[in-house]
C-alpha atoms as a PDB file:
ATOM      1  CA  MET A   1     217.743   7.707 130.209  1.00  0.00           C
ATOM      2  CA  THR A   2     219.721   5.374 127.233  1.00  0.00           C
ATOM      3  CA  LYS A   3     221.028   7.136 124.052  1.00  0.00           C
ATOM      4  CA  VAL A   4     219.699   5.021 121.241  1.00  0.00           C
ATOM      5  CA  SER A   5     221.913   6.840 118.516  1.00  0.00           C
ATOM      6  CA  HIS A   6     224.245   9.413 117.607  1.00  0.00           C
ATOM      7  CA  HIS A   7     223.864  11.850 114.474  1.00  0.00           C
ATOM      8  CA  ARG A   8     226.424  13.849 113.171  1.00  0.00           C
ATOM      9  CA  ILE A   9     224.711  17.698 113.409  1.00  0.00           C
ATOM     10  CA  ALA A  10     223.868  19.519 109.969  1.00  0.00           C
ATOM     11  CA  LEU A  11     225.190  22.731 109.298  1.00  0.00           C
ATOM     12  CA  PRO A  12     222.441  24.994 107.166  1.00  0.00           C
ATOM     13  CA  GLU A  13     222.342  23.901 102.893  1.00  0.00           C
ATOM     14  CA  ARG A  14     224.940  20.702 104.092  1.00  0.00           C
ATOM     15  CA  PRO A  15     223.302  17.153 104.545  1.00  0.00           C
ATOM     16  CA  VAL A  16     223.845  14.387 106.592  1.00  0.00           C
ATOM     17  CA  ILE A  17     223.368  11.597 104.637  1.00  0.00           C
ATOM     18  CA  ASP A  18     223.700   8.368 105.972  1.00  0.00           C
ATOM     19  CA  PRO A  19     223.355   5.137 103.996  1.00  0.00           C
ATOM     20  CA  ALA A  20     222.699   2.666 106.985  1.00  0.00           C
ATOM     21  CA  HIS A  21     218.810   4.595 106.970  1.00  0.00           C
ATOM     22  CA  TYR A  22     218.454   3.401 103.737  1.00  0.00           C
ATOM     23  CA  LEU A  23     218.513  -0.402 103.591  1.00  0.00           C
ATOM     24  CA  GLY A  24     218.414  -0.822  99.703  1.00  0.00           C
ATOM     25  CA  PRO A  25     215.883  -2.209  96.860  1.00  0.00           C
ATOM     26  CA  PRO A  26     213.142  -4.513  98.169  1.00  0.00           C
ATOM     27  CA  ARG A  27     213.840  -8.004  98.809  1.00  0.00           C
ATOM     28  CA  ALA A  28     212.067 -10.922  99.133  1.00  0.00           C
ATOM     29  CA  MET A  29     211.173 -13.237 102.320  1.00  0.00           C
ATOM     30  CA  ASP A  30     214.590 -14.928 101.644  1.00  0.00           C
ATOM     31  CA  GLY A  31     216.189 -11.733 100.793  1.00  0.00           C
ATOM     32  CA  SER A  32     216.961 -12.642  97.012  1.00  0.00           C
ATOM     33  CA  PRO A  33     215.467  -9.502  94.897  1.00  0.00           C
ATOM     34  CA  ARG A  34     212.066  -8.606  94.782  1.00  0.00           C
ATOM     35  CA  PRO A  35     210.512  -8.956  91.316  1.00  0.00           C
ATOM     36  CA  PRO A  36     208.693  -6.143  89.277  1.00  0.00           C
ATOM     37  CA  LYS A  37     204.971  -6.984  89.817  1.00  0.00           C
ATOM     38  CA  PRO A  38     203.120  -6.027  86.359  1.00  0.00           C
ATOM     39  CA  SER A  39     200.321  -3.884  86.930  1.00  0.00           C
ATOM     40  CA  ASN A  40     198.668  -3.806  83.340  1.00  0.00           C
ATOM     41  CA  GLY A  41     198.589  -5.863  80.301  1.00  0.00           C
ATOM     42  CA  THR A  42     201.502  -4.004  78.764  1.00  0.00           C
ATOM     43  CA  GLU A  43     203.825  -4.128  81.527  1.00  0.00           C
ATOM     44  CA  SER A  44     203.005  -8.196  81.722  1.00  0.00           C
ATOM     45  CA  ALA A  45     203.705  -8.388  78.222  1.00  0.00           C
ATOM     46  CA  PHE A  46     207.063  -6.584  78.550  1.00  0.00           C
ATOM     47  CA  LEU A  47     208.323  -8.856  81.579  1.00  0.00           C
ATOM     48  CA  ALA A  48     206.971 -12.089  79.583  1.00  0.00           C
ATOM     49  CA  ILE A  49     210.260 -11.088  76.744  1.00  0.00           C
ATOM     50  CA  GLY A  50     212.596 -12.743  79.446  1.00  0.00           C
ATOM     51  CA  PRO A  51     214.908 -12.348  82.132  1.00  0.00           C
ATOM     52  CA  GLY A  52     216.517  -8.902  80.429  1.00  0.00           C
ATOM     53  CA  SER A  53     212.982  -7.432  80.407  1.00  0.00           C
ATOM     54  CA  GLU A  54     212.982  -7.851  84.490  1.00  0.00           C
ATOM     55  CA  SER A  55     216.491  -6.011  84.946  1.00  0.00           C
ATOM     56  CA  TRP A  56     216.115  -3.430  82.178  1.00  0.00           C
ATOM     57  CA  LEU A  57     212.974  -2.395  84.259  1.00  0.00           C
ATOM     58  CA  ILE A  58     215.429  -2.671  87.130  1.00  0.00           C
ATOM     59  CA  GLU A  59     218.206  -0.505  87.164  1.00  0.00           C
ATOM     60  CA  ALA A  60     215.322   2.207  85.008  1.00  0.00           C
ATOM     61  CA  ALA A  61     212.991   2.299  88.206  1.00  0.00           C
ATOM     62  CA  ALA A  62     217.236   2.377  89.995  1.00  0.00           C
ATOM     63  CA  SER A  63     218.286   5.882  87.539  1.00  0.00           C
ATOM     64  CA  GLY A  64     214.645   7.183  88.581  1.00  0.00           C
ATOM     65  CA  ALA A  65     212.687   6.724  86.097  1.00  0.00           C
ATOM     66  CA  ALA A  66     209.244   6.991  86.618  1.00  0.00           C
ATOM     67  CA  ARG A  67     207.598   6.936  83.254  1.00  0.00           C
ATOM     68  CA  ILE A  68     208.893   3.757  80.830  1.00  0.00           C
ATOM     69  CA  ARG A  69     207.906   4.611  77.419  1.00  0.00           C
ATOM     70  CA  THR A  70     204.947   2.557  75.728  1.00  0.00           C
ATOM     71  CA  GLU A  71     204.877   3.691  71.796  1.00  0.00           C
ATOM     72  CA  TRP A  72     207.766   3.979  70.014  1.00  0.00           C
ATOM     73  CA  PRO A  73     208.017   6.520  67.145  1.00  0.00           C
ATOM     74  CA  PRO A  74     208.818   4.739  63.984  1.00  0.00           C
ATOM     75  CA  LEU A  75     211.718   4.247  62.129  1.00  0.00           C
ATOM     76  CA  SER A  76     212.407   6.493  59.432  1.00  0.00           C
ATOM     77  CA  ASN A  77     214.693   4.726  56.744  1.00  0.00           C
ATOM     78  CA  SER A  78     217.856   7.198  56.546  1.00  0.00           C
ATOM     79  CA  ARG A  79     218.336   5.267  60.259  1.00  0.00           C
ATOM     80  CA  LEU A  80     218.445   1.690  58.348  1.00  0.00           C
END
């Protein structure tokens, strides 16, 4: 029998997380980060703004945002 891997023993309420199990964000075949793929016209329009919108979307997803608000309330005059 060959030992494949060795994991530390986890105690109750003390999980053991090995960063090597997480490969990071999706990558293209050449190793570069895979760009976001729009699934509707609103997403396409947002990504068409420029490379900053793509970076912003990647960072938002990395921070755990599941949804991004598409309609913003109008600014009040007191903010101007």
